[in-house]
């Protein structure tokens, strides 16, 4: 015997809950997003996710299984031939998104918007690689600026010595040393960002 649903059902009976979920799934497939109560949205999410997973197979057996759950031929066609091709092929689950939208006027029931996720999957490895490259480029730029300022300071020190201004020469040497230390720190940071030297 199947395990009954924990908590209250949608509607008054199991048959009524199946009809409610089938109708909500049809509306979600047709409109791509619907607003309903939070309880219905949370119950609908795994129901629709399983339908999309079956539809991704695309064979006739999967089409018949989906047609048993949602007996609306137009919705089945829309799911198999329009929605599933629009979903990123690399997305493995997570085909729907629930967003809370606040309570409903009248009975104050918590409402939520459930929608199909059609955006492309962002690969974390690609994003992290791009961030590392940007950080390495910034560190190299800082090192280049520090190198330029160190060279400029050492040139000023030489000019001041030639003119006989020792105080200015000493100040310029100190600035050059600080700039050299900053350059070394920036180069070390760039090396830490890219341990492989790529």
Protein backbone atom coordinates (compact mmCIF):
# COMPACT_ATOMS: atom_id res chain seq x y z
CA UNK A 1 0.00 0.00 0.00
CA UNK A 2 1.43 3.45 -0.86
CA UNK A 3 2.61 5.64 1.98
CA UNK A 4 0.15 8.48 2.49
CA UNK A 5 1.29 12.08 2.15
CA UNK A 6 2.48 13.58 5.43
CA UNK A 7 0.42 16.55 6.48
CA UNK A 8 -2.80 17.84 4.97
CA UNK A 9 -3.61 17.10 1.34
CA UNK A 10 -4.42 19.66 -1.30
CA UNK A 11 -8.18 19.44 -1.79
CA UNK A 12 -10.29 16.89 0.05
CA UNK A 13 -9.05 13.55 -1.27
CA UNK A 14 -6.11 11.92 -3.08
CA UNK A 15 -8.01 12.09 -6.38
CA UNK A 16 -8.69 15.79 -5.88
CA UNK A 17 -5.00 16.44 -5.12
CA UNK A 18 -3.98 14.64 -8.35
CA UNK A 19 -6.36 16.81 -10.36
CA UNK A 20 -5.14 20.00 -8.68
CA UNK A 21 -1.48 19.11 -9.38
CA UNK A 22 -2.25 18.12 -12.99
CA UNK A 23 -4.06 21.43 -13.62
CA UNK A 24 -1.31 23.48 -11.97
CA UNK A 25 1.33 21.64 -14.04
CA UNK A 26 -0.60 22.38 -17.26
CA UNK A 27 -0.84 26.07 -16.35
CA UNK A 28 2.88 26.21 -15.48
CA UNK A 29 3.86 24.58 -18.79
CA UNK A 30 1.61 26.91 -20.80
CA UNK A 31 2.53 30.16 -19.04
CA UNK A 32 6.10 29.31 -17.85
CA UNK A 33 5.27 30.90 -14.45
CA UNK A 34 2.24 30.97 -12.14
CA UNK A 35 1.40 32.50 -8.77
CA UNK A 36 -0.25 30.19 -6.25
CA UNK A 37 -0.14 29.43 -2.53
CA UNK A 38 3.17 28.41 -1.04
CA UNK A 39 1.86 24.94 -0.09
CA UNK A 40 0.68 24.26 -3.66
CA UNK A 41 3.93 25.59 -5.14
CA UNK A 42 6.05 23.36 -2.88
CA UNK A 43 3.92 20.32 -3.73
CA UNK A 44 3.93 21.16 -7.45
CA UNK A 45 7.72 21.58 -7.70
CA UNK A 46 8.80 17.90 -7.49
CA UNK A 47 5.76 16.89 -9.58
CA UNK A 48 6.81 19.14 -12.48
CA UNK A 49 10.52 18.35 -12.09
CA UNK A 50 9.76 14.65 -12.62
CA UNK A 51 7.68 15.46 -15.70
CA UNK A 52 10.52 17.52 -17.19
CA UNK A 53 13.02 14.75 -16.46
CA UNK A 54 10.80 12.28 -18.32
CA UNK A 55 10.30 14.77 -21.16
CA UNK A 56 14.09 15.15 -21.56
CA UNK A 57 14.21 11.48 -22.57
CA UNK A 58 11.93 12.39 -25.45
CA UNK A 59 10.84 8.89 -26.47
CA UNK A 60 7.26 7.70 -26.98
CA UNK A 61 7.20 5.80 -23.67
CA UNK A 62 8.14 8.96 -21.78
CA UNK A 63 5.45 10.88 -23.68
CA UNK A 64 2.84 8.33 -22.60
CA UNK A 65 3.98 8.44 -18.97
CA UNK A 66 3.67 12.24 -18.97
CA UNK A 67 0.28 12.05 -20.71
CA UNK A 68 -0.95 9.83 -17.85
CA UNK A 69 -0.04 12.57 -15.35
CA UNK A 70 -1.33 15.56 -17.37
CA UNK A 71 -4.14 14.52 -19.71
CA UNK A 72 -3.89 17.65 -21.88
CA UNK A 73 -2.42 16.93 -25.31
CA UNK A 74 -1.51 20.56 -25.98
CA UNK A 75 0.43 20.79 -22.69
CA UNK A 76 2.26 17.51 -23.43
CA UNK A 77 3.23 18.81 -26.88
CA UNK A 78 4.33 22.14 -25.37
CA UNK A 79 6.45 20.38 -22.73
CA UNK A 80 8.21 17.99 -25.12
CA UNK A 81 8.61 20.18 -28.20
CA UNK A 82 8.92 23.72 -26.81
CA UNK A 83 9.88 23.80 -23.11
CA UNK A 84 12.44 20.98 -22.93
CA UNK A 85 14.47 22.20 -25.97
CA UNK A 86 14.55 25.66 -24.35
CA UNK A 87 16.00 24.24 -21.10
CA UNK A 88 19.79 24.06 -21.03
CA UNK A 89 20.88 20.48 -21.79
CA UNK A 90 23.57 20.69 -19.09
CA UNK A 91 21.02 21.42 -16.36
CA UNK A 92 20.49 18.27 -14.33
CA UNK A 93 17.50 19.03 -12.13
CA UNK A 94 16.40 22.31 -10.65
CA UNK A 95 14.06 23.03 -13.55
CA UNK A 96 11.73 25.18 -11.42
CA UNK A 97 12.24 28.13 -9.08
CA UNK A 98 9.97 29.23 -6.22
CA UNK A 99 9.92 32.86 -5.10
CA UNK A 100 7.82 34.11 -2.17
CA UNK A 101 5.62 37.08 -3.09
CA UNK A 102 3.89 37.94 0.19
CA UNK A 103 0.46 37.18 1.62
CA UNK A 104 -2.77 37.19 -0.37
CA UNK A 105 -5.33 39.88 0.31
CA UNK A 106 -8.44 38.49 1.93
CA UNK A 107 -7.31 35.34 3.73
CA UNK A 108 -3.62 36.31 4.22
CA UNK A 109 -2.45 33.00 2.71
CA UNK A 110 1.30 32.98 1.93
CA UNK A 111 1.73 33.22 -1.85
CA UNK A 112 4.60 32.12 -4.08
CA UNK A 113 5.55 32.37 -7.74
CA UNK A 114 6.78 29.15 -9.33
CA UNK A 115 8.49 29.39 -12.72
CA UNK A 116 10.42 27.23 -15.15
CA UNK A 117 14.15 27.96 -15.20
CA UNK A 118 15.21 28.45 -18.82
CA UNK A 119 18.54 30.27 -18.24
CA UNK A 120 21.85 28.65 -19.10
CA UNK A 121 23.84 26.92 -16.35
CA UNK A 122 26.84 28.96 -15.19
CA UNK A 123 29.73 26.64 -14.60
CA UNK A 124 31.44 27.39 -11.31
CA UNK A 125 34.84 26.30 -12.63
CA UNK A 126 34.69 28.82 -15.48
CA UNK A 127 33.59 31.61 -13.15
CA UNK A 128 36.32 30.87 -10.59
CA UNK A 129 38.96 30.67 -13.36
CA UNK A 130 37.85 34.07 -14.67
CA UNK A 131 38.04 35.55 -11.16
CA UNK A 132 41.56 34.16 -10.69
CA UNK A 133 42.67 35.57 -14.04
CA UNK A 134 41.27 38.99 -13.14
CA UNK A 135 42.99 38.95 -9.74
CA UNK A 136 46.30 37.90 -11.33
CA UNK A 137 46.04 40.69 -13.92
CA UNK A 138 45.30 43.23 -11.18
CA UNK A 139 48.29 42.04 -9.13
CA UNK A 140 50.58 42.24 -12.19
CA UNK A 141 49.32 45.76 -12.90
CA UNK A 142 50.05 46.82 -9.31
CA UNK A 143 53.54 45.30 -9.61
CA UNK A 144 54.19 47.21 -12.85
CA UNK A 145 53.04 50.49 -11.28
CA UNK A 146 55.23 49.89 -8.23
CA UNK A 147 58.20 49.15 -10.53
CA UNK A 148 57.64 52.41 -12.43
CA UNK A 149 57.40 54.46 -9.24
CA UNK A 150 60.55 52.78 -7.87
CA UNK A 151 62.49 53.65 -11.05
CA UNK A 152 61.19 57.24 -10.99
CA UNK A 153 62.18 57.62 -7.33
CA UNK A 154 65.69 56.24 -7.93
CA UNK A 155 66.13 58.63 -10.91
CA UNK A 156 65.08 61.56 -8.68
CA UNK A 157 67.59 60.43 -6.06
CA UNK A 158 70.41 60.38 -8.64
CA UNK A 159 69.45 63.85 -9.94
CA UNK A 160 69.34 65.23 -6.39
CA UNK A 161 72.82 63.77 -5.66
CA UNK A 162 74.23 65.33 -8.79
CA UNK A 163 72.81 68.69 -7.74
CA UNK A 164 74.20 68.22 -4.21
CA UNK A 165 70.81 68.06 -2.42
CA UNK A 166 71.42 65.12 -0.03
CA UNK A 167 68.15 65.50 1.90
CA UNK A 168 66.05 65.17 -1.25
CA UNK A 169 68.26 62.29 -2.41
CA UNK A 170 67.71 60.43 0.87
CA UNK A 171 63.94 60.98 0.68
CA UNK A 172 63.85 59.72 -2.91
CA UNK A 173 65.85 56.62 -1.93
CA UNK A 174 63.38 55.87 0.86
CA UNK A 175 60.47 56.22 -1.58
CA UNK A 176 62.30 53.94 -4.03
CA UNK A 177 62.82 51.31 -1.31
CA UNK A 178 59.13 51.45 -0.34
CA UNK A 179 58.11 51.14 -3.99
CA UNK A 180 60.47 48.18 -4.42
CA UNK A 181 58.92 46.47 -1.39
CA UNK A 182 55.44 47.12 -2.79
CA UNK A 183 56.54 45.65 -6.12
CA UNK A 184 57.91 42.53 -4.41
CA UNK A 185 54.67 42.11 -2.44
CA UNK A 186 52.57 42.50 -5.61
CA UNK A 187 54.73 39.96 -7.48
CA UNK A 188 54.40 37.54 -4.56
CA UNK A 189 50.62 38.01 -4.59
CA UNK A 190 50.52 37.35 -8.35
CA UNK A 191 52.60 34.20 -7.83
CA UNK A 192 50.23 33.05 -5.07
CA UNK A 193 47.24 33.60 -7.38
CA UNK A 194 48.86 31.43 -10.06
CA UNK A 195 51.00 28.70 -8.43
CA UNK A 196 51.31 26.77 -11.73
CA UNK A 197 52.77 29.77 -13.53
CA UNK A 198 49.98 29.82 -16.14
